[in-house]
PDB file of N, CA and C in Angstrom:
ATOM      1  N   MET A   1      72.781 138.162 118.195  1.00  0.00           N
ATOM      2  CA  MET A   1      71.432 138.247 117.662  1.00  0.00           C
ATOM      3  C   MET A   1      71.004 136.876 117.162  1.00  0.00           C
ATOM      4  N   LYS A   2      69.804 136.528 117.445  1.00  0.00           N
ATOM      5  CA  LYS A   2      69.276 135.234 117.044  1.00  0.00           C
ATOM      6  C   LYS A   2      68.689 135.302 115.640  1.00  0.00           C
ATOM      7  N   ASN A   3      69.185 134.429 114.760  1.00  0.00           N
ATOM      8  CA  ASN A   3      68.593 134.233 113.438  1.00  0.00           C
ATOM      9  C   ASN A   3      68.365 135.558 112.717  1.00  0.00           C
ATOM     10  N   ALA A   4      67.114 135.891 112.445  1.00  0.00           N
ATOM     11  CA  ALA A   4      66.828 137.106 111.683  1.00  0.00           C
ATOM     12  C   ALA A   4      66.372 138.256 112.579  1.00  0.00           C
ATOM     13  N   GLU A   5      66.618 138.145 113.874  1.00  0.00           N
ATOM     14  CA  GLU A   5      66.224 139.225 114.775  1.00  0.00           C
ATOM     15  C   GLU A   5      67.058 140.461 114.451  1.00  0.00           C
ATOM     16  N   ALA A   6      66.464 141.609 114.465  1.00  0.00           N
ATOM     17  CA  ALA A   6      67.175 142.831 114.100  1.00  0.00           C
ATOM     18  C   ALA A   6      67.113 143.841 115.235  1.00  0.00           C
ATOM     19  N   TRP A   7      68.155 144.619 115.360  1.00  0.00           N
ATOM     20  CA  TRP A   7      68.206 145.687 116.355  1.00  0.00           C
ATOM     21  C   TRP A   7      68.388 147.000 115.618  1.00  0.00           C
ATOM     22  N   TRP A   8      67.665 148.030 116.065  1.00  0.00           N
ATOM     23  CA  TRP A   8      67.773 149.328 115.421  1.00  0.00           C
ATOM     24  C   TRP A   8      67.518 150.401 116.460  1.00  0.00           C
ATOM     25  N   ASN A   9      68.439 151.326 116.603  1.00  0.00           N
ATOM     26  CA  ASN A   9      68.325 152.414 117.581  1.00  0.00           C
ATOM     27  C   ASN A   9      67.990 151.907 118.985  1.00  0.00           C
ATOM     28  N   GLY A  10      68.524 150.742 119.343  1.00  0.00           N
ATOM     29  CA  GLY A  10      68.295 150.203 120.670  1.00  0.00           C
ATOM     30  C   GLY A  10      66.948 149.545 120.854  1.00  0.00           C
ATOM     31  N   ASN A  11      66.109 149.525 119.838  1.00  0.00           N
ATOM     32  CA  ASN A  11      64.796 148.893 119.928  1.00  0.00           C
ATOM     33  C   ASN A  11      64.790 147.598 119.126  1.00  0.00           C
ATOM     34  N   THR A  12      64.165 146.583 119.659  1.00  0.00           N
ATOM     35  CA  THR A  12      64.039 145.334 118.931  1.00  0.00           C
ATOM     36  C   THR A  12      62.887 145.465 117.958  1.00  0.00           C
ATOM     37  N   VAL A  13      63.084 145.004 116.739  1.00  0.00           N
ATOM     38  CA  VAL A  13      62.012 144.984 115.751  1.00  0.00           C
ATOM     39  C   VAL A  13      61.670 143.539 115.447  1.00  0.00           C
ATOM     40  N   ALA A  14      60.506 143.313 114.890  1.00  0.00           N
ATOM     41  CA  ALA A  14      60.049 141.950 114.604  1.00  0.00           C
ATOM     42  C   ALA A  14      61.012 141.250 113.656  1.00  0.00           C
ATOM     43  N   ARG A  15      61.187 139.956 113.896  1.00  0.00           N
ATOM     44  CA  ARG A  15      62.038 139.153 113.021  1.00  0.00           C
ATOM     45  C   ARG A  15      61.447 139.113 111.627  1.00  0.00           C
ATOM     46  N   GLN A  16      62.304 139.146 110.635  1.00  0.00           N
ATOM     47  CA  GLN A  16      61.888 139.129 109.246  1.00  0.00           C
ATOM     48  C   GLN A  16      61.911 137.697 108.713  1.00  0.00           C
ATOM     49  N   HIS A  17      61.098 137.416 107.710  1.00  0.00           N
ATOM     50  CA  HIS A  17      61.078 136.096 107.088  1.00  0.00           C
ATOM     51  C   HIS A  17      62.408 135.841 106.392  1.00  0.00           C
ATOM     52  N   ILE A  18      62.978 134.652 106.582  1.00  0.00           N
ATOM     53  CA  ILE A  18      64.254 134.321 105.958  1.00  0.00           C
ATOM     54  C   ILE A  18      64.104 133.282 104.851  1.00  0.00           C
ATOM     55  N   TYR A  19      62.977 132.606 104.774  1.00  0.00           N
ATOM     56  CA  TYR A  19      62.749 131.611 103.724  1.00  0.00           C
ATOM     57  C   TYR A  19      61.949 132.246 102.593  1.00  0.00           C
ATOM     58  N   LYS A  20      62.169 131.754 101.394  1.00  0.00           N
ATOM     59  CA  LYS A  20      61.516 132.294 100.203  1.00  0.00           C
ATOM     60  C   LYS A  20      60.505 131.295  99.639  1.00  0.00           C
ATOM     61  N   VAL A  21      59.511 131.806  98.927  1.00  0.00           N
ATOM     62  CA  VAL A  21      58.510 130.963  98.275  1.00  0.00           C
ATOM     63  C   VAL A  21      59.223 129.971  97.354  1.00  0.00           C
ATOM     64  N   ASP A  22      58.772 128.733  97.376  1.00  0.00           N
ATOM     65  CA  ASP A  22      59.307 127.609  96.600  1.00  0.00           C
ATOM     66  C   ASP A  22      60.626 127.061  97.139  1.00  0.00           C
ATOM     67  N   GLN A  23      61.134 127.612  98.245  1.00  0.00           N
ATOM     68  CA  GLN A  23      62.361 127.067  98.822  1.00  0.00           C
ATOM     69  C   GLN A  23      62.066 125.713  99.449  1.00  0.00           C
ATOM     70  N   ARG A  24      62.940 124.768  99.220  1.00  0.00           N
ATOM     71  CA  ARG A  24      62.807 123.415  99.775  1.00  0.00           C
ATOM     72  C   ARG A  24      63.269 123.447 101.228  1.00  0.00           C
ATOM     73  N   VAL A  25      62.452 122.961 102.133  1.00  0.00           N
ATOM     74  CA  VAL A  25      62.768 122.958 103.562  1.00  0.00           C
ATOM     75  C   VAL A  25      62.473 121.591 104.162  1.00  0.00           C
ATOM     76  N   GLN A  26      63.031 121.391 105.344  1.00  0.00           N
ATOM     77  CA  GLN A  26      62.738 120.190 106.115  1.00  0.00           C
ATOM     78  C   GLN A  26      62.281 120.633 107.499  1.00  0.00           C
ATOM     79  N   ILE A  27      61.333 119.899 108.050  1.00  0.00           N
ATOM     80  CA  ILE A  27      60.844 120.199 109.388  1.00  0.00           C
ATOM     81  C   ILE A  27      61.765 119.515 110.389  1.00  0.00           C
ATOM     82  N   LYS A  28      62.163 120.248 111.399  1.00  0.00           N
ATOM     83  CA  LYS A  28      63.013 119.671 112.432  1.00  0.00           C
ATOM     84  C   LYS A  28      62.252 118.560 113.157  1.00  0.00           C
ATOM     85  N   THR A  29      62.983 117.590 113.652  1.00  0.00           N
ATOM     86  CA  THR A  29      62.336 116.510 114.389  1.00  0.00           C
ATOM     87  C   THR A  29      62.225 116.844 115.872  1.00  0.00           C
ATOM     88  N   ARG A  30      63.011 117.816 116.342  1.00  0.00           N
ATOM     89  CA  ARG A  30      62.937 118.255 117.746  1.00  0.00           C
ATOM     90  C   ARG A  30      63.603 119.612 117.882  1.00  0.00           C
ATOM     91  N   ASP A  31      63.514 120.197 119.053  1.00  0.00           N
ATOM     92  CA  ASP A  31      64.170 121.460 119.373  1.00  0.00           C
ATOM     93  C   ASP A  31      63.691 122.638 118.541  1.00  0.00           C
ATOM     94  N   GLY A  32      62.437 122.617 118.101  1.00  0.00           N
ATOM     95  CA  GLY A  32      61.922 123.746 117.345  1.00  0.00           C
ATOM     96  C   GLY A  32      61.182 124.751 118.207  1.00  0.00           C
ATOM     97  N   GLY A  33      61.032 124.462 119.479  1.00  0.00           N
ATOM     98  CA  GLY A  33      60.329 125.384 120.354  1.00  0.00           C
ATOM     99  C   GLY A  33      58.839 125.108 120.396  1.00  0.00           C
ATOM    100  N   GLY A  34      58.154 125.881 121.200  1.00  0.00           N
ATOM    101  CA  GLY A  34      56.730 125.659 121.407  1.00  0.00           C
ATOM    102  C   GLY A  34      55.830 126.492 120.526  1.00  0.00           C
ATOM    103  N   SER A  35      56.412 127.374 119.730  1.00  0.00           N
ATOM    104  CA  SER A  35      55.613 128.269 118.903  1.00  0.00           C
ATOM    105  C   SER A  35      55.254 127.613 117.578  1.00  0.00           C
ATOM    106  N   LYS A  36      53.969 127.411 117.344  1.00  0.00           N
ATOM    107  CA  LYS A  36      53.407 126.878 116.087  1.00  0.00           C
ATOM    108  C   LYS A  36      54.182 125.664 115.561  1.00  0.00           C
ATOM    109  N   PRO A  37      54.231 124.572 116.350  1.00  0.00           N
ATOM    110  CA  PRO A  37      54.932 123.369 115.883  1.00  0.00           C
ATOM    111  C   PRO A  37      54.130 122.660 114.798  1.00  0.00           C
ATOM    112  N   PRO A  38      54.805 121.775 114.047  1.00  0.00           N
ATOM    113  CA  PRO A  38      54.097 120.997 113.036  1.00  0.00           C
ATOM    114  C   PRO A  38      53.298 119.876 113.694  1.00  0.00           C
ATOM    115  N   SER A  39      52.412 119.279 112.945  1.00  0.00           N
ATOM    116  CA  SER A  39      51.732 118.083 113.425  1.00  0.00           C
ATOM    117  C   SER A  39      52.784 117.012 113.681  1.00  0.00           C
ATOM    118  N   GLU A  40      52.533 116.162 114.636  1.00  0.00           N
ATOM    119  CA  GLU A  40      53.514 115.145 115.027  1.00  0.00           C
ATOM    120  C   GLU A  40      53.992 114.316 113.845  1.00  0.00           C
ATOM    121  N   GLY A  41      53.112 113.932 112.949  1.00  0.00           N
ATOM    122  CA  GLY A  41      53.480 113.095 111.820  1.00  0.00           C
ATOM    123  C   GLY A  41      54.300 113.804 110.755  1.00  0.00           C
ATOM    124  N   LEU A  42      54.438 115.133 110.852  1.00  0.00           N
ATOM    125  CA  LEU A  42      55.176 115.878 109.832  1.00  0.00           C
ATOM    126  C   LEU A  42      56.604 116.200 110.250  1.00  0.00           C
ATOM    127  N   LYS A  43      56.989 115.889 111.472  1.00  0.00           N
ATOM    128  CA  LYS A  43      58.360 116.164 111.908  1.00  0.00           C
ATOM    129  C   LYS A  43      59.329 115.351 111.060  1.00  0.00           C
ATOM    130  N   GLY A  44      60.336 116.030 110.520  1.00  0.00           N
ATOM    131  CA  GLY A  44      61.318 115.399 109.648  1.00  0.00           C
ATOM    132  C   GLY A  44      60.929 115.391 108.180  1.00  0.00           C
ATOM    133  N   ALA A  45      59.705 115.825 107.869  1.00  0.00           N
ATOM    134  CA  ALA A  45      59.207 115.790 106.484  1.00  0.00           C
ATOM    135  C   ALA A  45      59.810 116.912 105.648  1.00  0.00           C
ATOM    136  N   LEU A  46      59.853 116.691 104.343  1.00  0.00           N
ATOM    137  CA  LEU A  46      60.299 117.697 103.382  1.00  0.00           C
ATOM    138  C   LEU A  46      59.088 118.413 102.802  1.00  0.00           C
ATOM    139  N   GLY A  47      59.273 119.675 102.453  1.00  0.00           N
ATOM    140  CA  GLY A  47      58.207 120.445 101.830  1.00  0.00           C
ATOM    141  C   GLY A  47      58.771 121.666 101.141  1.00  0.00           C
ATOM    142  N   VAL A  48      57.887 122.498 100.642  1.00  0.00           N
ATOM    143  CA  VAL A  48      58.285 123.766 100.019  1.00  0.00           C
ATOM    144  C   VAL A  48      57.511 124.897 100.676  1.00  0.00           C
ATOM    145  N   ILE A  49      58.140 126.057 100.722  1.00  0.00           N
ATOM    146  CA  ILE A  49      57.488 127.246 101.261  1.00  0.00           C
ATOM    147  C   ILE A  49      56.434 127.701 100.255  1.00  0.00           C
ATOM    148  N   SER A  50      55.204 127.799 100.716  1.00  0.00           N
ATOM    149  CA  SER A  50      54.086 128.255  99.883  1.00  0.00           C
ATOM    150  C   SER A  50      54.039 129.781  99.899  1.00  0.00           C
ATOM    151  N   PRO A  51      53.309 130.392  98.976  1.00  0.00           N
ATOM    152  CA  PRO A  51      53.173 131.857  99.010  1.00  0.00           C
ATOM    153  C   PRO A  51      52.622 132.309 100.369  1.00  0.00           C
ATOM    154  N   GLN A  52      53.116 133.441 100.805  1.00  0.00           N
ATOM    155  CA  GLN A  52      52.768 133.985 102.110  1.00  0.00           C
ATOM    156  C   GLN A  52      52.044 135.311 101.932  1.00  0.00           C
ATOM    157  N   LEU A  53      51.395 135.730 102.981  1.00  0.00           N
ATOM    158  CA  LEU A  53      50.816 137.066 103.006  1.00  0.00           C
ATOM    159  C   LEU A  53      51.730 137.898 103.896  1.00  0.00           C
ATOM    160  N   PHE A  54      52.687 138.571 103.274  1.00  0.00           N
ATOM    161  CA  PHE A  54      53.619 139.401 104.027  1.00  0.00           C
ATOM    162  C   PHE A  54      53.083 140.825 104.048  1.00  0.00           C
ATOM    163  N   GLN A  55      52.732 141.286 105.229  1.00  0.00           N
ATOM    164  CA  GLN A  55      52.274 142.662 105.370  1.00  0.00           C
ATOM    165  C   GLN A  55      52.822 143.209 106.665  1.00  0.00           C
ATOM    166  N   ASP A  56      52.947 144.498 106.696  1.00  0.00           N
ATOM    167  CA  ASP A  56      53.368 145.167 107.913  1.00  0.00           C
ATOM    168  C   ASP A  56      52.127 145.405 108.763  1.00  0.00           C
ATOM    169  N   TRP A  57      52.024 144.674 109.844  1.00  0.00           N
ATOM    170  CA  TRP A  57      50.847 144.790 110.709  1.00  0.00           C
ATOM    171  C   TRP A  57      51.116 145.697 111.905  1.00  0.00           C
ATOM    172  N   ALA A  58      52.194 146.494 111.832  1.00  0.00           N
ATOM    173  CA  ALA A  58      52.555 147.359 112.959  1.00  0.00           C
ATOM    174  C   ALA A  58      51.378 148.240 113.369  1.00  0.00           C
ATOM    175  N   GLY A  59      51.159 148.316 114.667  1.00  0.00           N
ATOM    176  CA  GLY A  59      50.095 149.161 115.190  1.00  0.00           C
ATOM    177  C   GLY A  59      48.721 148.527 115.186  1.00  0.00           C
ATOM    178  N   THR A  60      48.622 147.251 114.754  1.00  0.00           N
ATOM    179  CA  THR A  60      47.339 146.557 114.762  1.00  0.00           C
ATOM    180  C   THR A  60      47.403 145.389 115.731  1.00  0.00           C
ATOM    181  N   PHE A  61      46.278 144.767 115.987  1.00  0.00           N
ATOM    182  CA  PHE A  61      46.260 143.627 116.895  1.00  0.00           C
ATOM    183  C   PHE A  61      46.966 142.409 116.285  1.00  0.00           C
ATOM    184  N   LEU A  62      47.270 142.440 114.994  1.00  0.00           N
ATOM    185  CA  LEU A  62      47.980 141.343 114.330  1.00  0.00           C
ATOM    186  C   LEU A  62      49.497 141.496 114.371  1.00  0.00           C
ATOM    187  N   GLU A  63      49.971 142.589 114.932  1.00  0.00           N
ATOM    188  CA  GLU A  63      51.413 142.832 114.996  1.00  0.00           C
ATOM    189  C   GLU A  63      52.089 141.762 115.853  1.00  0.00           C
ATOM    190  N   ARG A  64      53.187 141.202 115.335  1.00  0.00           N
ATOM    191  CA  ARG A  64      53.960 140.206 116.091  1.00  0.00           C
ATOM    192  C   ARG A  64      54.846 140.910 117.097  1.00  0.00           C
ATOM    193  N   GLU A  65      55.015 140.290 118.234  1.00  0.00           N
ATOM    194  CA  GLU A  65      55.966 140.788 119.213  1.00  0.00           C
ATOM    195  C   GLU A  65      57.370 140.507 118.687  1.00  0.00           C
ATOM    196  N   PRO A  66      58.371 141.319 119.062  1.00  0.00           N
ATOM    197  CA  PRO A  66      59.725 141.133 118.536  1.00  0.00           C
ATOM    198  C   PRO A  66      60.287 139.726 118.753  1.00  0.00           C
ATOM    199  N   GLU A  67      59.925 139.081 119.837  1.00  0.00           N
ATOM    200  CA  GLU A  67      60.481 137.757 120.120  1.00  0.00           C
ATOM    201  C   GLU A  67      59.714 136.621 119.427  1.00  0.00           C
ATOM    202  N   GLU A  68      58.596 136.930 118.797  1.00  0.00           N
ATOM    203  CA  GLU A  68      57.807 135.908 118.105  1.00  0.00           C
ATOM    204  C   GLU A  68      58.444 135.530 116.774  1.00  0.00           C
ATOM    205  N   SER A  69      58.456 134.252 116.502  1.00  0.00           N
ATOM    206  CA  SER A  69      58.994 133.752 115.237  1.00  0.00           C
ATOM    207  C   SER A  69      57.999 133.967 114.106  1.00  0.00           C
ATOM    208  N   PRO A  70      58.489 134.318 112.916  1.00  0.00           N
ATOM    209  CA  PRO A  70      57.592 134.366 111.763  1.00  0.00           C
ATOM    210  C   PRO A  70      57.031 132.972 111.488  1.00  0.00           C
ATOM    211  N   GLU A  71      55.866 132.927 110.885  1.00  0.00           N
ATOM    212  CA  GLU A  71      55.240 131.657 110.509  1.00  0.00           C
ATOM    213  C   GLU A  71      55.179 131.566 109.000  1.00  0.00           C
ATOM    214  N   TYR A  72      55.152 130.339 108.503  1.00  0.00           N
ATOM    215  CA  TYR A  72      55.127 130.082 107.066  1.00  0.00           C
ATOM    216  C   TYR A  72      54.060 129.056 106.745  1.00  0.00           C
ATOM    217  N   TYR A  73      53.473 129.185 105.567  1.00  0.00           N
ATOM    218  CA  TYR A  73      52.691 128.103 105.005  1.00  0.00           C
ATOM    219  C   TYR A  73      53.690 127.192 104.306  1.00  0.00           C
ATOM    220  N   VAL A  74      53.684 125.911 104.683  1.00  0.00           N
ATOM    221  CA  VAL A  74      54.576 124.930 104.077  1.00  0.00           C
ATOM    222  C   VAL A  74      53.711 123.846 103.453  1.00  0.00           C
ATOM    223  N   THR A  75      53.951 123.551 102.169  1.00  0.00           N
ATOM    224  CA  THR A  75      53.253 122.460 101.497  1.00  0.00           C
ATOM    225  C   THR A  75      54.204 121.268 101.464  1.00  0.00           C
ATOM    226  N   PHE A  76      53.754 120.184 102.076  1.00  0.00           N
ATOM    227  CA  PHE A  76      54.586 118.985 102.181  1.00  0.00           C
ATOM    228  C   PHE A  76      54.453 118.125 100.940  1.00  0.00           C
ATOM    229  N   ASP A  77      55.356 117.177 100.803  1.00  0.00           N
ATOM    230  CA  ASP A  77      55.376 116.306  99.629  1.00  0.00           C
ATOM    231  C   ASP A  77      54.084 115.501  99.487  1.00  0.00           C
ATOM    232  N   THR A  78      53.324 115.402 100.544  1.00  0.00           N
ATOM    233  CA  THR A  78      52.033 114.705 100.501  1.00  0.00           C
ATOM    234  C   THR A  78      50.927 115.580  99.925  1.00  0.00           C
ATOM    235  N   GLY A  79      51.225 116.886  99.776  1.00  0.00           N
ATOM    236  CA  GLY A  79      50.214 117.830  99.288  1.00  0.00           C
ATOM    237  C   GLY A  79      49.523 118.583 100.410  1.00  0.00           C
ATOM    238  N   VAL A  80      49.779 118.217 101.657  1.00  0.00           N
ATOM    239  CA  VAL A  80      49.189 118.885 102.817  1.00  0.00           C
ATOM    240  C   VAL A  80      49.907 120.209 103.045  1.00  0.00           C
ATOM    241  N   THR A  81      49.154 121.269 103.338  1.00  0.00           N
ATOM    242  CA  THR A  81      49.741 122.567 103.671  1.00  0.00           C
ATOM    243  C   THR A  81      49.429 122.873 105.124  1.00  0.00           C
ATOM    244  N   GLU A  82      50.437 123.344 105.849  1.00  0.00           N
ATOM    245  CA  GLU A  82      50.286 123.628 107.271  1.00  0.00           C
ATOM    246  C   GLU A  82      51.062 124.904 107.611  1.00  0.00           C
ATOM    247  N   THR A  83      50.602 125.644 108.599  1.00  0.00           N
ATOM    248  CA  THR A  83      51.309 126.834 109.084  1.00  0.00           C
ATOM    249  C   THR A  83      52.279 126.391 110.167  1.00  0.00           C
ATOM    250  N   ILE A  84      53.553 126.775 110.001  1.00  0.00           N
ATOM    251  CA  ILE A  84      54.594 126.317 110.922  1.00  0.00           C
ATOM    252  C   ILE A  84      55.520 127.476 111.254  1.00  0.00           C
ATOM    253  N   SER A  85      55.970 127.521 112.500  1.00  0.00           N
ATOM    254  CA  SER A  85      56.906 128.539 112.952  1.00  0.00           C
ATOM    255  C   SER A  85      58.266 128.347 112.281  1.00  0.00           C
ATOM    256  N   GLU A  86      58.918 129.473 111.989  1.00  0.00           N
ATOM    257  CA  GLU A  86      60.256 129.447 111.401  1.00  0.00           C
ATOM    258  C   GLU A  86      61.235 128.630 112.245  1.00  0.00           C
ATOM    259  N   ASP A  87      61.040 128.614 113.559  1.00  0.00           N
ATOM    260  CA  ASP A  87      61.947 127.882 114.440  1.00  0.00           C
ATOM    261  C   ASP A  87      61.920 126.380 114.199  1.00  0.00           C
ATOM    262  N   TRP A  88      60.885 125.889 113.532  1.00  0.00           N
ATOM    263  CA  TRP A  88      60.783 124.461 113.224  1.00  0.00           C
ATOM    264  C   TRP A  88      61.316 124.130 111.832  1.00  0.00           C
ATOM    265  N   LEU A  89      61.731 125.141 111.077  1.00  0.00           N
ATOM    266  CA  LEU A  89      62.181 124.918 109.703  1.00  0.00           C
ATOM    267  C   LEU A  89      63.694 124.976 109.596  1.00  0.00           C
ATOM    268  N   GLU A  90      64.211 124.259 108.614  1.00  0.00           N
ATOM    269  CA  GLU A  90      65.615 124.350 108.243  1.00  0.00           C
ATOM    270  C   GLU A  90      65.710 124.050 106.749  1.00  0.00           C
ATOM    271  N   PRO A  91      66.750 124.573 106.083  1.00  0.00           N
ATOM    272  CA  PRO A  91      66.877 124.264 104.662  1.00  0.00           C
ATOM    273  C   PRO A  91      66.964 122.748 104.464  1.00  0.00           C
ATOM    274  N   ALA A  92      66.396 122.270 103.375  1.00  0.00           N
ATOM    275  CA  ALA A  92      66.480 120.838 103.079  1.00  0.00           C
ATOM    276  C   ALA A  92      67.947 120.449 102.943  1.00  0.00           C
ATOM    277  N   PRO A  93      68.319 119.274 103.452  1.00  0.00           N
ATOM    278  CA  PRO A  93      69.717 118.862 103.363  1.00  0.00           C
ATOM    279  C   PRO A  93      70.157 118.665 101.913  1.00  0.00           C
ATOM    280  N   PRO A  94      71.448 118.871 101.632  1.00  0.00           N
ATOM    281  CA  PRO A  94      71.949 118.634 100.274  1.00  0.00           C
ATOM    282  C   PRO A  94      71.621 117.206  99.837  1.00  0.00           C
ATOM    283  N   GLY A  95      71.261 117.058  98.597  1.00  0.00           N
ATOM    284  CA  GLY A  95      70.930 115.734  98.069  1.00  0.00           C
ATOM    285  C   GLY A  95      69.499 115.302  98.319  1.00  0.00           C
ATOM    286  N   SER A  96      68.692 116.175  98.945  1.00  0.00           N
ATOM    287  CA  SER A  96      67.280 115.838  99.168  1.00  0.00           C
ATOM    288  C   SER A  96      66.580 115.721  97.823  1.00  0.00           C
ATOM    289  N   PRO A  97      65.600 114.823  97.737  1.00  0.00           N
ATOM    290  CA  PRO A  97      64.867 114.719  96.471  1.00  0.00           C
ATOM    291  C   PRO A  97      64.082 115.994  96.203  1.00  0.00           C
ATOM    292  N   PRO A  98      63.890 116.324  94.929  1.00  0.00           N
ATOM    293  CA  PRO A  98      63.081 117.502  94.619  1.00  0.00           C
ATOM    294  C   PRO A  98      61.628 117.268  94.998  1.00  0.00           C
ATOM    295  N   ALA A  99      60.902 118.344  95.091  1.00  0.00           N
ATOM    296  CA  ALA A  99      59.469 118.234  95.406  1.00  0.00           C
ATOM    297  C   ALA A  99      58.766 117.452  94.303  1.00  0.00           C
ATOM    298  N   PRO A 100      57.814 116.624  94.659  1.00  0.00           N
ATOM    299  CA  PRO A 100      57.074 115.866  93.640  1.00  0.00           C
ATOM    300  C   PRO A 100      56.340 116.794  92.678  1.00  0.00           C
ATOM    301  N   GLN A 101      56.230 116.381  91.467  1.00  0.00           N
ATOM    302  CA  GLN A 101      55.492 117.155  90.465  1.00  0.00           C
ATOM    303  C   GLN A 101      54.080 116.601  90.384  1.00  0.00           C
ATOM    304  N   GLN A 102      53.253 117.009  91.334  1.00  0.00           N
ATOM    305  CA  GLN A 102      51.870 116.567  91.402  1.00  0.00           C
ATOM    306  C   GLN A 102      50.970 117.790  91.259  1.00  0.00           C
ATOM    307  N   PRO A 103      49.761 117.591  90.753  1.00  0.00           N
ATOM    308  CA  PRO A 103      48.839 118.727  90.637  1.00  0.00           C
ATOM    309  C   PRO A 103      48.562 119.398  91.986  1.00  0.00           C
ATOM    310  N   ASN A 104      48.549 118.636  93.078  1.00  0.00           N
ATOM    311  CA  ASN A 104      48.220 119.209  94.382  1.00  0.00           C
ATOM    312  C   ASN A 104      49.452 119.708  95.134  1.00  0.00           C
ATOM    313  N   MET A 105      50.647 119.573  94.533  1.00  0.00           N
ATOM    314  CA  MET A 105      51.857 120.001  95.226  1.00  0.00           C
ATOM    315  C   MET A 105      51.924 121.518  95.356  1.00  0.00           C
ATOM    316  N   LYS A 106      51.455 122.226  94.352  1.00  0.00           N
ATOM    317  CA  LYS A 106      51.435 123.684  94.403  1.00  0.00           C
ATOM    318  C   LYS A 106      50.007 124.145  94.162  1.00  0.00           C
ATOM    319  N   PRO A 107      49.205 124.190  95.235  1.00  0.00           N
ATOM    320  CA  PRO A 107      47.809 124.576  95.067  1.00  0.00           C
ATOM    321  C   PRO A 107      47.614 126.072  94.868  1.00  0.00           C
ATOM    322  N   TRP A 108      48.661 126.792  94.525  1.00  0.00           N
ATOM    323  CA  TRP A 108      48.590 128.213  94.265  1.00  0.00           C
ATOM    324  C   TRP A 108      48.942 128.478  92.805  1.00  0.00           C
ATOM    325  N   PRO A 109      48.552 129.601  92.261  1.00  0.00           N
ATOM    326  CA  PRO A 109      48.880 129.921  90.858  1.00  0.00           C
ATOM    327  C   PRO A 109      50.389 130.070  90.680  1.00  0.00           C
ATOM    328  N   VAL A 110      50.904 129.498  89.608  1.00  0.00           N
ATOM    329  CA  VAL A 110      52.339 129.620  89.323  1.00  0.00           C
ATOM    330  C   VAL A 110      52.567 130.313  88.007  1.00  0.00           C
TER     331      VAL A 110
END
């Protein structure tokens, strides 16, 4: 099974989100696939997972196909927020600097 892909009663179900809000992540520089890649200038950048809208969209036109990667809002150290596929994310390496403490770093209520 790939990453967070789940199997149940022989049916594939949509992959579940594996990153948590405020988790420090790094964008892969390559090999993230073609689904919702980051802007070219953000490859290799550090950021934090922003709050997400997690809802079960089963049975609606917004339902993800089982093979589709979940997407995340990621706020980068520059303050820019972008939607990126989970396949482009990885946990920040050990020893990475903490996220900057700037007013625009967390544009959501804390």
